[in-house]
Amino acid sequence: MKKLIRFLAVLTLLTFVISCACMKDKNTISGKVESIEKGKDGYTAKINTNKNEVYFATISIVNLGGPQNFKQLKVGEEVSLKGEIWKTDTEKHIKVKEIVSVK
């Protein structure tokens, strides 16, 4: 009986780890920078995705892990961003943890 409980616990843990690994791509957005609003230690970029969704991306030195990872985006650039996504009643936001690409 103890072996069965251990097996089920390990199986549950593996399922959780695999599901978390698969969710990483869901926290990535790609699109065009529409506007930029400067802030205290960074800025908020309005991103229009390929699916015509608008996200407000909070990009700061602290959230990116330091000044070496910080980049100043420009209006018109195509970007791919990773981070924590949340929604309000009328807006979608992402707290950027990584700037994946800029074109």
Protein backbone atom coordinates (compact mmCIF):
# COMPACT_ATOMS: atom_id res chain seq x y z
CA MET A 1 0.00 0.00 0.00
CA LYS A 2 2.86 2.39 0.82
CA LYS A 3 4.41 1.70 -2.57
CA LEU A 4 1.14 2.57 -4.31
CA ILE A 5 0.88 5.87 -2.41
CA ARG A 6 4.49 6.74 -3.25
CA PHE A 7 3.93 5.86 -6.90
CA LEU A 8 0.82 8.05 -7.08
CA ALA A 9 2.66 10.92 -5.36
CA VAL A 10 5.54 10.72 -7.85
CA LEU A 11 3.10 10.49 -10.75
CA THR A 12 1.23 13.56 -9.50
CA LEU A 13 4.48 15.50 -9.10
CA LEU A 14 5.63 14.59 -12.62
CA THR A 15 2.27 15.63 -14.07
CA PHE A 16 2.55 19.00 -12.31
CA VAL A 17 6.12 19.59 -13.53
CA ILE A 18 5.23 18.71 -17.13
CA SER A 19 2.14 20.93 -17.11
CA CYS A 20 4.16 23.89 -15.77
CA ALA A 21 6.82 23.38 -18.45
CA CYS A 22 4.17 23.41 -21.17
CA MET A 23 2.60 26.64 -19.87
CA LYS A 24 5.76 28.68 -20.44
CA ASP A 25 4.87 29.41 -24.08
CA LYS A 26 1.43 30.65 -23.04
CA ASN A 27 3.11 33.53 -21.24
CA THR A 28 4.74 34.80 -24.43
CA ILE A 29 3.29 37.47 -26.70
CA SER A 30 4.52 38.77 -30.05
CA GLY A 31 3.50 41.89 -31.87
CA LYS A 32 4.23 45.45 -32.93
CA VAL A 33 5.02 48.31 -30.52
CA GLU A 34 2.26 50.92 -30.96
CA SER A 35 3.26 53.44 -28.27
CA ILE A 36 5.56 53.94 -25.28
CA GLU A 37 4.86 55.68 -21.98
CA LYS A 38 7.90 56.34 -19.77
CA GLY A 39 7.84 55.45 -16.08
CA LYS A 40 10.02 55.56 -12.99
CA ASP A 41 12.43 52.66 -13.64
CA GLY A 42 11.19 51.61 -17.07
CA TYR A 43 8.23 52.10 -19.36
CA THR A 44 4.93 50.68 -20.56
CA ALA A 45 4.72 49.65 -24.19
CA LYS A 46 1.39 49.16 -25.96
CA ILE A 47 1.75 45.98 -28.06
CA ASN A 48 -0.65 45.02 -30.84
CA THR A 49 -0.35 41.26 -31.45
CA ASN A 50 -0.80 39.36 -34.71
CA LYS A 51 -4.27 38.33 -33.45
CA ASN A 52 -5.21 42.02 -33.09
CA GLU A 53 -5.10 41.87 -29.28
CA VAL A 54 -3.68 44.83 -27.35
CA TYR A 55 -1.38 44.25 -24.37
CA PHE A 56 0.16 46.83 -22.07
CA ALA A 57 3.69 45.55 -21.38
CA THR A 58 5.40 46.81 -18.23
CA ILE A 59 9.13 46.73 -18.93
CA SER A 60 11.44 47.65 -16.04
CA ILE A 61 15.05 47.11 -15.04
CA VAL A 62 14.00 45.29 -11.86
CA ASN A 63 11.62 42.82 -13.58
CA LEU A 64 14.21 42.01 -16.28
CA GLY A 65 16.88 41.14 -13.70
CA GLY A 66 19.13 44.19 -14.05
CA PRO A 67 20.35 46.82 -16.49
CA GLN A 68 22.23 44.28 -18.62
CA ASN A 69 18.88 42.77 -19.77
CA PHE A 70 17.03 46.08 -20.19
CA LYS A 71 16.30 47.33 -23.71
CA GLN A 72 14.50 50.46 -24.83
CA LEU A 73 11.94 49.44 -27.44
CA LYS A 74 10.90 51.82 -30.21
CA VAL A 75 7.52 52.41 -31.82
CA GLY A 76 7.14 50.20 -34.91
CA GLU A 77 9.45 47.39 -33.76
CA GLU A 78 8.28 43.77 -33.84
CA VAL A 79 8.89 42.17 -30.44
CA SER A 80 8.44 38.92 -28.58
CA LEU A 81 8.04 39.19 -24.79
CA LYS A 82 7.79 36.66 -21.94
CA GLY A 83 6.26 37.34 -18.54
CA GLU A 84 3.27 37.24 -16.25
CA ILE A 85 -0.02 37.96 -18.01
CA TRP A 86 -3.14 39.27 -16.29
CA LYS A 87 -6.39 40.83 -17.44
CA THR A 88 -8.63 43.58 -16.13
CA ASP A 89 -12.20 44.13 -17.28
CA THR A 90 -11.11 46.02 -20.39
CA GLU A 91 -7.32 45.54 -20.74
CA LYS A 92 -4.65 42.85 -21.00
CA HIS A 93 -1.29 43.35 -19.28
CA ILE A 94 2.05 41.58 -19.16
CA LYS A 95 4.83 42.14 -16.61
CA VAL A 96 7.83 41.43 -18.84
CA LYS A 97 10.46 39.07 -17.39
CA GLU A 98 12.37 38.56 -20.66
CA ILE A 99 12.64 40.37 -23.97
CA VAL A 100 12.93 37.38 -26.31
CA SER A 101 13.47 39.21 -29.62
CA VAL A 102 13.36 42.66 -31.21
CA LYS A 103 13.20 43.23 -34.98
